[in-house]
Each structure stands twice: as structure tokens, then as C-alpha cells.
N, C-alpha and C. Protein backbone atom coordinates (compact mmCIF):
# COMPACT_ATOMS: atom_id res chain seq x y z
N MET A 1 83.92 148.73 -88.44
CA MET A 1 82.57 149.00 -88.03
C MET A 1 81.87 147.69 -87.71
N PHE A 2 81.10 147.69 -86.65
CA PHE A 2 80.34 146.51 -86.24
C PHE A 2 79.18 146.26 -87.19
N VAL A 3 79.02 144.98 -87.59
CA VAL A 3 77.88 144.53 -88.38
C VAL A 3 77.29 143.33 -87.66
N GLU A 4 76.01 143.43 -87.30
CA GLU A 4 75.37 142.30 -86.64
C GLU A 4 75.25 141.15 -87.63
N TYR A 5 75.65 139.96 -87.17
CA TYR A 5 75.70 138.79 -88.06
C TYR A 5 75.44 137.54 -87.25
N ASN A 6 74.44 136.77 -87.67
CA ASN A 6 74.15 135.51 -87.00
C ASN A 6 73.61 134.50 -88.01
N PRO A 7 74.50 133.67 -88.57
CA PRO A 7 74.07 132.67 -89.55
C PRO A 7 73.51 131.40 -88.93
N ASN A 8 73.47 131.33 -87.59
CA ASN A 8 72.96 130.13 -86.93
C ASN A 8 71.53 129.88 -87.39
N PRO A 9 71.23 128.68 -87.90
CA PRO A 9 69.89 128.40 -88.44
C PRO A 9 68.78 128.54 -87.41
N LEU A 10 69.10 128.40 -86.13
CA LEU A 10 68.09 128.55 -85.08
C LEU A 10 68.25 129.88 -84.33
N SER A 11 69.09 130.76 -84.89
CA SER A 11 69.34 132.09 -84.31
C SER A 11 69.90 132.04 -82.89
N LYS A 12 70.57 130.94 -82.55
CA LYS A 12 71.22 130.87 -81.24
C LYS A 12 72.37 131.86 -81.24
N ARG A 13 72.67 132.42 -80.07
CA ARG A 13 73.63 133.51 -79.99
C ARG A 13 74.84 133.21 -79.12
N ALA A 14 74.97 131.99 -78.62
CA ALA A 14 76.09 131.69 -77.72
C ALA A 14 76.69 130.33 -78.03
N GLY A 15 78.00 130.24 -77.85
CA GLY A 15 78.69 128.97 -77.96
C GLY A 15 79.17 128.58 -79.34
N ASP A 16 78.80 129.34 -80.37
CA ASP A 16 79.20 128.96 -81.73
C ASP A 16 79.97 130.07 -82.45
N CYS A 17 80.70 130.88 -81.70
CA CYS A 17 81.38 132.02 -82.30
C CYS A 17 82.39 131.60 -83.37
N VAL A 18 83.07 130.48 -83.17
CA VAL A 18 84.02 130.00 -84.18
C VAL A 18 83.28 129.67 -85.46
N ILE A 19 82.17 128.98 -85.34
CA ILE A 19 81.39 128.58 -86.52
C ILE A 19 80.90 129.82 -87.25
N ARG A 20 80.38 130.79 -86.52
CA ARG A 20 79.89 132.03 -87.15
C ARG A 20 81.01 132.73 -87.91
N ALA A 21 82.18 132.84 -87.29
CA ALA A 21 83.31 133.52 -87.94
C ALA A 21 83.74 132.78 -89.21
N VAL A 22 83.79 131.46 -89.13
CA VAL A 22 84.19 130.66 -90.30
C VAL A 22 83.20 130.83 -91.44
N THR A 23 81.90 130.85 -91.12
CA THR A 23 80.91 131.03 -92.20
C THR A 23 81.14 132.33 -92.93
N LYS A 24 81.46 133.38 -92.20
CA LYS A 24 81.62 134.69 -92.82
C LYS A 24 82.86 134.77 -93.71
N VAL A 25 83.99 134.34 -93.19
CA VAL A 25 85.22 134.50 -93.97
C VAL A 25 85.35 133.47 -95.09
N MET A 26 84.72 132.30 -94.94
CA MET A 26 84.82 131.27 -95.97
C MET A 26 83.64 131.27 -96.92
N GLY A 27 82.58 132.01 -96.58
CA GLY A 27 81.42 132.06 -97.46
C GLY A 27 80.67 130.75 -97.54
N ILE A 28 80.62 130.03 -96.42
CA ILE A 28 79.89 128.75 -96.38
C ILE A 28 78.77 128.85 -95.35
N ASP A 29 77.84 127.91 -95.41
CA ASP A 29 76.74 127.97 -94.44
C ASP A 29 77.15 127.37 -93.10
N TRP A 30 76.31 127.61 -92.10
CA TRP A 30 76.60 127.21 -90.73
C TRP A 30 76.81 125.70 -90.62
N ASP A 31 75.96 124.92 -91.26
CA ASP A 31 76.07 123.45 -91.17
C ASP A 31 77.40 122.96 -91.72
N LYS A 32 77.82 123.49 -92.87
CA LYS A 32 79.07 123.05 -93.48
C LYS A 32 80.26 123.42 -92.59
N ALA A 33 80.25 124.63 -92.03
CA ALA A 33 81.33 125.05 -91.13
C ALA A 33 81.35 124.17 -89.88
N TYR A 34 80.20 123.93 -89.30
CA TYR A 34 80.10 123.11 -88.09
C TYR A 34 80.63 121.70 -88.35
N LEU A 35 80.14 121.07 -89.41
CA LEU A 35 80.56 119.69 -89.70
C LEU A 35 82.06 119.61 -90.01
N GLY A 36 82.58 120.59 -90.73
CA GLY A 36 84.01 120.59 -91.05
C GLY A 36 84.88 120.66 -89.80
N ILE A 37 84.50 121.50 -88.87
CA ILE A 37 85.29 121.65 -87.64
C ILE A 37 85.09 120.45 -86.71
N VAL A 38 83.87 119.94 -86.66
CA VAL A 38 83.62 118.74 -85.84
C VAL A 38 84.42 117.56 -86.38
N MET A 39 84.46 117.40 -87.69
CA MET A 39 85.23 116.30 -88.27
C MET A 39 86.73 116.48 -88.02
N LYS A 40 87.21 117.72 -88.02
CA LYS A 40 88.61 117.96 -87.69
C LYS A 40 88.86 117.57 -86.23
N GLY A 41 87.93 117.91 -85.35
CA GLY A 41 88.04 117.49 -83.95
C GLY A 41 88.06 115.98 -83.81
N TYR A 42 87.22 115.31 -84.58
CA TYR A 42 87.19 113.85 -84.56
C TYR A 42 88.54 113.29 -85.00
N ALA A 43 89.09 113.84 -86.09
CA ALA A 43 90.37 113.35 -86.60
C ALA A 43 91.50 113.58 -85.59
N LEU A 44 91.43 114.69 -84.87
CA LEU A 44 92.47 115.02 -83.89
C LEU A 44 92.16 114.45 -82.50
N LYS A 45 91.00 113.82 -82.36
CA LYS A 45 90.55 113.27 -81.08
C LYS A 45 90.52 114.34 -79.99
N ASP A 46 89.90 115.47 -80.36
CA ASP A 46 89.78 116.59 -79.43
C ASP A 46 88.48 117.32 -79.72
N MET A 47 88.09 118.19 -78.81
CA MET A 47 86.84 118.92 -78.96
C MET A 47 86.96 119.99 -80.04
N PRO A 48 85.89 120.22 -80.81
CA PRO A 48 85.95 121.19 -81.91
C PRO A 48 86.15 122.63 -81.45
N SER A 49 85.83 122.93 -80.21
CA SER A 49 86.00 124.30 -79.72
C SER A 49 87.42 124.61 -79.25
N ILE A 50 88.28 123.60 -79.21
CA ILE A 50 89.67 123.80 -78.80
C ILE A 50 90.41 124.55 -79.92
N ASN A 51 91.18 125.56 -79.53
CA ASN A 51 91.84 126.44 -80.50
C ASN A 51 92.62 125.70 -81.59
N HIS A 52 93.39 124.69 -81.20
CA HIS A 52 94.21 124.03 -82.22
C HIS A 52 93.37 123.22 -83.20
N VAL A 53 92.16 122.83 -82.82
CA VAL A 53 91.29 122.08 -83.74
C VAL A 53 90.77 123.00 -84.83
N TRP A 54 90.11 124.07 -84.44
CA TRP A 54 89.59 124.97 -85.48
C TRP A 54 90.73 125.71 -86.19
N GLY A 55 91.84 125.92 -85.48
CA GLY A 55 93.01 126.52 -86.13
C GLY A 55 93.56 125.63 -87.23
N GLN A 56 93.62 124.34 -86.97
CA GLN A 56 94.10 123.40 -88.00
C GLN A 56 93.14 123.37 -89.18
N TYR A 57 91.85 123.42 -88.90
CA TYR A 57 90.84 123.48 -89.97
C TYR A 57 91.09 124.70 -90.86
N LEU A 58 91.33 125.85 -90.24
CA LEU A 58 91.58 127.06 -91.01
C LEU A 58 92.87 126.95 -91.83
N LYS A 59 93.92 126.42 -91.23
CA LYS A 59 95.19 126.27 -91.95
C LYS A 59 95.01 125.39 -93.18
N GLU A 60 94.22 124.34 -93.06
CA GLU A 60 93.97 123.44 -94.18
C GLU A 60 93.13 124.09 -95.27
N HIS A 61 92.53 125.24 -94.95
CA HIS A 61 91.71 125.97 -95.92
C HIS A 61 92.35 127.30 -96.32
N GLY A 62 93.69 127.37 -96.24
CA GLY A 62 94.39 128.51 -96.79
C GLY A 62 94.59 129.70 -95.87
N PHE A 63 94.43 129.50 -94.57
CA PHE A 63 94.65 130.58 -93.62
C PHE A 63 96.02 130.43 -92.96
N SER A 64 96.59 131.54 -92.58
CA SER A 64 97.83 131.51 -91.81
C SER A 64 97.60 132.27 -90.51
N ARG A 65 98.28 131.82 -89.46
CA ARG A 65 98.10 132.41 -88.14
C ARG A 65 99.20 133.44 -87.87
N HIS A 66 98.80 134.55 -87.23
CA HIS A 66 99.72 135.63 -86.90
C HIS A 66 99.46 136.10 -85.48
N ALA A 67 100.54 136.40 -84.77
CA ALA A 67 100.41 136.95 -83.42
C ALA A 67 100.18 138.46 -83.51
N ILE A 68 99.49 138.99 -82.55
CA ILE A 68 99.32 140.43 -82.44
C ILE A 68 100.33 140.91 -81.42
N PRO A 69 101.20 141.84 -81.80
CA PRO A 69 102.22 142.32 -80.86
C PRO A 69 101.58 142.86 -79.59
N ASP A 70 102.21 142.59 -78.46
CA ASP A 70 101.62 143.02 -77.19
C ASP A 70 102.26 144.30 -76.67
N THR A 71 102.53 145.24 -77.57
CA THR A 71 103.10 146.52 -77.14
C THR A 71 102.12 147.29 -76.26
N CYS A 72 100.86 147.04 -76.47
CA CYS A 72 99.83 147.63 -75.62
C CYS A 72 98.74 146.58 -75.48
N PRO A 73 98.98 145.54 -74.70
CA PRO A 73 98.10 144.37 -74.69
C PRO A 73 96.66 144.65 -74.26
N ASP A 74 96.42 145.72 -73.54
CA ASP A 74 95.05 145.98 -73.09
C ASP A 74 94.37 147.10 -73.85
N CYS A 75 95.05 147.68 -74.85
CA CYS A 75 94.43 148.81 -75.52
C CYS A 75 94.17 148.60 -77.00
N TYR A 76 94.69 147.55 -77.59
CA TYR A 76 94.45 147.28 -79.02
C TYR A 76 93.24 146.37 -79.13
N THR A 77 92.16 146.86 -79.70
CA THR A 77 90.89 146.15 -79.69
C THR A 77 90.55 145.56 -81.06
N ILE A 78 89.47 144.80 -81.09
CA ILE A 78 88.96 144.26 -82.34
C ILE A 78 88.58 145.41 -83.27
N ALA A 79 87.96 146.45 -82.73
CA ALA A 79 87.60 147.62 -83.55
C ALA A 79 88.85 148.27 -84.14
N ASP A 80 89.93 148.36 -83.35
CA ASP A 80 91.18 148.92 -83.87
C ASP A 80 91.71 148.07 -85.02
N PHE A 81 91.71 146.76 -84.84
CA PHE A 81 92.19 145.85 -85.88
C PHE A 81 91.38 146.05 -87.16
N ALA A 82 90.05 146.08 -87.03
CA ALA A 82 89.19 146.25 -88.20
C ALA A 82 89.48 147.57 -88.91
N ASN A 83 89.69 148.63 -88.15
CA ASN A 83 89.99 149.94 -88.74
C ASN A 83 91.31 149.94 -89.49
N GLU A 84 92.25 149.13 -89.06
CA GLU A 84 93.57 149.06 -89.71
C GLU A 84 93.64 148.05 -90.85
N HIS A 85 92.63 147.24 -90.99
CA HIS A 85 92.62 146.19 -92.02
C HIS A 85 91.38 146.36 -92.91
N LYS A 86 91.46 147.31 -93.81
CA LYS A 86 90.31 147.68 -94.65
C LYS A 86 90.06 146.69 -95.79
N THR A 87 91.02 145.83 -96.06
CA THR A 87 90.80 144.79 -97.07
C THR A 87 91.30 143.47 -96.51
N GLY A 88 90.64 142.42 -96.90
CA GLY A 88 91.05 141.08 -96.48
C GLY A 88 90.03 140.41 -95.58
N LYS A 89 90.30 139.12 -95.34
CA LYS A 89 89.43 138.29 -94.50
C LYS A 89 90.25 137.75 -93.34
N TYR A 90 89.75 137.96 -92.13
CA TYR A 90 90.48 137.60 -90.92
C TYR A 90 89.54 136.96 -89.91
N ILE A 91 90.12 136.10 -89.08
CA ILE A 91 89.42 135.58 -87.90
C ILE A 91 90.29 135.93 -86.71
N LEU A 92 89.73 136.70 -85.78
CA LEU A 92 90.45 137.15 -84.60
C LEU A 92 90.04 136.31 -83.40
N ALA A 93 91.01 136.01 -82.55
CA ALA A 93 90.74 135.23 -81.34
C ALA A 93 91.16 136.02 -80.12
N THR A 94 90.25 136.12 -79.16
CA THR A 94 90.57 136.68 -77.85
C THR A 94 90.80 135.47 -76.94
N GLY A 95 90.85 135.67 -75.67
CA GLY A 95 91.00 134.53 -74.77
C GLY A 95 89.76 133.66 -74.70
N SER A 96 88.60 134.23 -75.07
CA SER A 96 87.35 133.48 -74.92
C SER A 96 86.35 133.71 -76.05
N HIS A 97 86.76 134.35 -77.11
CA HIS A 97 85.81 134.68 -78.17
C HIS A 97 86.53 134.71 -79.52
N VAL A 98 85.75 134.53 -80.59
CA VAL A 98 86.27 134.54 -81.95
C VAL A 98 85.35 135.41 -82.81
N VAL A 99 85.96 136.24 -83.67
CA VAL A 99 85.21 137.21 -84.46
C VAL A 99 85.75 137.24 -85.89
N ALA A 100 84.86 137.43 -86.85
CA ALA A 100 85.25 137.60 -88.24
C ALA A 100 85.43 139.08 -88.55
N VAL A 101 86.51 139.39 -89.29
CA VAL A 101 86.71 140.74 -89.82
C VAL A 101 86.87 140.59 -91.32
N VAL A 102 86.02 141.30 -92.07
CA VAL A 102 86.06 141.26 -93.53
C VAL A 102 86.04 142.69 -94.05
N ASP A 103 87.10 143.05 -94.75
CA ASP A 103 87.20 144.36 -95.39
C ASP A 103 86.87 145.52 -94.44
N GLY A 104 87.45 145.46 -93.25
CA GLY A 104 87.32 146.56 -92.30
C GLY A 104 86.11 146.53 -91.40
N ASP A 105 85.22 145.57 -91.57
CA ASP A 105 84.05 145.44 -90.70
C ASP A 105 84.19 144.18 -89.86
N TYR A 106 83.73 144.22 -88.60
CA TYR A 106 83.74 143.01 -87.79
C TYR A 106 82.31 142.54 -87.59
N TYR A 107 82.14 141.22 -87.73
CA TYR A 107 80.84 140.58 -87.77
C TYR A 107 80.65 139.71 -86.53
N ASP A 108 79.55 139.95 -85.83
CA ASP A 108 79.30 139.21 -84.59
C ASP A 108 77.83 139.35 -84.23
N THR A 109 77.39 138.58 -83.24
CA THR A 109 76.01 138.70 -82.76
C THR A 109 75.87 139.86 -81.77
N TRP A 110 76.99 140.39 -81.30
CA TRP A 110 77.00 141.53 -80.38
C TRP A 110 78.23 142.38 -80.70
N ASP A 111 78.23 143.61 -80.25
CA ASP A 111 79.34 144.51 -80.55
C ASP A 111 80.53 144.17 -79.66
N SER A 112 81.41 143.34 -80.21
CA SER A 112 82.59 142.88 -79.47
C SER A 112 83.82 143.73 -79.76
N GLY A 113 83.62 144.91 -80.30
CA GLY A 113 84.71 145.76 -80.72
C GLY A 113 85.70 146.16 -79.64
N GLU A 114 85.28 146.14 -78.39
CA GLU A 114 86.18 146.52 -77.29
C GLU A 114 86.97 145.33 -76.73
N GLU A 115 86.71 144.13 -77.26
CA GLU A 115 87.47 142.96 -76.84
C GLU A 115 88.90 143.06 -77.38
N VAL A 116 89.83 142.41 -76.69
CA VAL A 116 91.25 142.50 -77.05
C VAL A 116 91.69 141.19 -77.72
N PRO A 117 92.06 141.25 -79.00
CA PRO A 117 92.50 140.03 -79.69
C PRO A 117 93.93 139.64 -79.32
N MET A 118 94.19 138.34 -79.31
CA MET A 118 95.52 137.82 -79.02
C MET A 118 96.25 137.42 -80.30
N TYR A 119 95.51 136.85 -81.25
CA TYR A 119 96.09 136.44 -82.53
C TYR A 119 94.99 136.43 -83.57
N TYR A 120 95.40 136.27 -84.82
CA TYR A 120 94.42 136.23 -85.89
C TYR A 120 94.87 135.29 -86.99
N PHE A 121 93.90 134.82 -87.75
CA PHE A 121 94.14 134.04 -88.95
C PHE A 121 93.79 134.92 -90.14
N GLU A 122 94.62 134.85 -91.16
CA GLU A 122 94.39 135.63 -92.36
C GLU A 122 94.20 134.69 -93.53
N LYS A 123 93.19 134.96 -94.34
CA LYS A 123 92.94 134.15 -95.53
C LYS A 123 93.93 134.56 -96.60
N GLU A 124 94.76 133.62 -97.01
CA GLU A 124 95.72 133.87 -98.07
C GLU A 124 95.00 133.74 -99.40
N GLU A 125 95.19 134.71 -100.27
CA GLU A 125 94.58 134.64 -101.59
C GLU A 125 95.24 133.53 -102.39
N GLU A 126 94.42 132.81 -103.13
CA GLU A 126 94.96 131.72 -103.94
C GLU A 126 95.70 132.30 -105.14
N ALA A 127 96.91 131.87 -105.31
CA ALA A 127 97.73 132.35 -106.42
C ALA A 127 97.71 131.31 -107.54
N TRP A 128 97.81 131.80 -108.75
CA TRP A 128 97.91 130.89 -109.89
C TRP A 128 99.25 130.18 -109.82
N GLN A 129 99.25 128.87 -110.02
CA GLN A 129 100.46 128.08 -109.95
C GLN A 129 100.92 127.69 -111.34
N ASP A 130 102.20 127.90 -111.61
CA ASP A 130 102.78 127.53 -112.90
C ASP A 130 103.16 126.05 -112.85
N ASN A 131 102.44 125.23 -113.62
CA ASN A 131 102.75 123.80 -113.63
C ASN A 131 103.57 123.40 -114.85
N GLY A 132 104.05 124.39 -115.61
CA GLY A 132 104.92 124.11 -116.74
C GLY A 132 104.19 123.84 -118.04
N GLU A 133 102.88 123.82 -118.04
CA GLU A 133 102.13 123.55 -119.25
C GLU A 133 101.86 124.86 -119.99
N THR A 134 101.62 124.74 -121.27
CA THR A 134 101.26 125.89 -122.08
C THR A 134 99.81 125.72 -122.50
N THR A 135 98.95 126.60 -122.03
CA THR A 135 97.55 126.55 -122.43
C THR A 135 97.03 127.96 -122.64
N ALA A 136 95.99 128.07 -123.40
CA ALA A 136 95.39 129.38 -123.65
C ALA A 136 94.77 129.96 -122.39
N ALA A 137 94.47 129.11 -121.40
CA ALA A 137 93.84 129.58 -120.17
C ALA A 137 94.82 130.29 -119.25
N MET A 138 96.10 130.12 -119.46
CA MET A 138 97.10 130.76 -118.61
C MET A 138 97.16 132.24 -118.90
N PRO A 139 97.51 133.02 -117.92
CA PRO A 139 97.70 134.45 -118.18
C PRO A 139 98.75 134.62 -119.28
N PRO A 140 98.56 135.56 -120.20
CA PRO A 140 99.47 135.70 -121.33
C PRO A 140 100.94 135.85 -120.93
N THR A 141 101.21 136.52 -119.84
CA THR A 141 102.60 136.72 -119.43
C THR A 141 103.23 135.46 -118.90
N ARG A 142 102.43 134.42 -118.63
CA ARG A 142 102.95 133.17 -118.06
C ARG A 142 103.01 132.04 -119.09
N ARG A 143 102.54 132.29 -120.30
CA ARG A 143 102.56 131.23 -121.32
C ARG A 143 103.99 130.93 -121.72
N ARG A 144 104.25 129.67 -121.96
CA ARG A 144 105.58 129.25 -122.43
C ARG A 144 105.50 128.88 -123.88
N PRO A 145 106.58 129.09 -124.60
CA PRO A 145 106.57 128.65 -126.00
C PRO A 145 106.55 127.11 -126.03
N PRO A 146 106.06 126.55 -127.12
CA PRO A 146 106.04 125.08 -127.22
C PRO A 146 107.47 124.53 -127.12
N ARG A 147 107.60 123.36 -126.50
CA ARG A 147 108.90 122.71 -126.36
C ARG A 147 109.30 122.04 -127.67
N ALA A 148 110.57 122.18 -128.03
CA ALA A 148 111.07 121.49 -129.21
C ALA A 148 111.27 120.02 -128.87
N VAL A 149 110.89 119.15 -129.81
CA VAL A 149 111.00 117.72 -129.56
C VAL A 149 112.18 117.15 -130.26
């Protein structure tokens, strides 16, 4: 379902679709998303709006990229994707636009549901990592007995 969303501090509605999508899926404000992607562009010596720049930013923040099968390249829409993905955080890319999908809703400044996505980034949930230590903070099933010395 479409949800109107515009975190731009000046309510601008064009040219910042990547920033808007990042704010929604990462839960950060517009300025932080903008600066993070601009700095990634600076590091890569490329423009922040270039796909590989913001894509690298997302990968460094726990996202993985997936292709959308082209079995019906003109009929699978953003709305279809949202309807099929009722849980999770995603950023969808068309040839010229980027949209956030969170728990089955797509967020944008306009109803872009009929646009056709080419690929998407999915936020991978952070998993608890076993570092070999025994602490009370670890889940009980993951605790190790003390090591004999």
C-alpha cells in the first residue's frame, strides 16, 4: 500500500529519492542519509546519485542486493513487490527512481506503485555473533561452560 512520505527538511519532492528511501529503511534523518551518501561518493570519486555509490553505502550498512527476475519485465510493479513482501525493509530501484518498502508498504512522495523495479536491496537482520566468551548477557542456549585451566 502506498504511504506518502517526505522527510526532506524543505519538503522538496524531486531529485532526492535515494535519500528519502534510505531515511525510511535505516531510520535516520535526511541530513544524516545525505551526508553519508555524499561522503561515500567523495571516497569513490563519483557522484552520490550514481547507483554504485549509494549501493556501496547500503552494503556497508548491512544491505544485500538482489536482482528481480525478468520473467515478466513490464508487469511486475513496485506495488506487486510490496504486496509480496509483508515483512522486512527494502530499497527498490527502477531505471530512474528509488523507493522504500517497509513491511508491505511503499513510501514515496507520489504513488510510484506502477513503476517497474529492476533490483532491490534488502536489510539483513543483525545476528548475534558467538565470540567464544561466556557471559550472562549471551542467550542461554549459547553460553559455554567455563574453560578448564
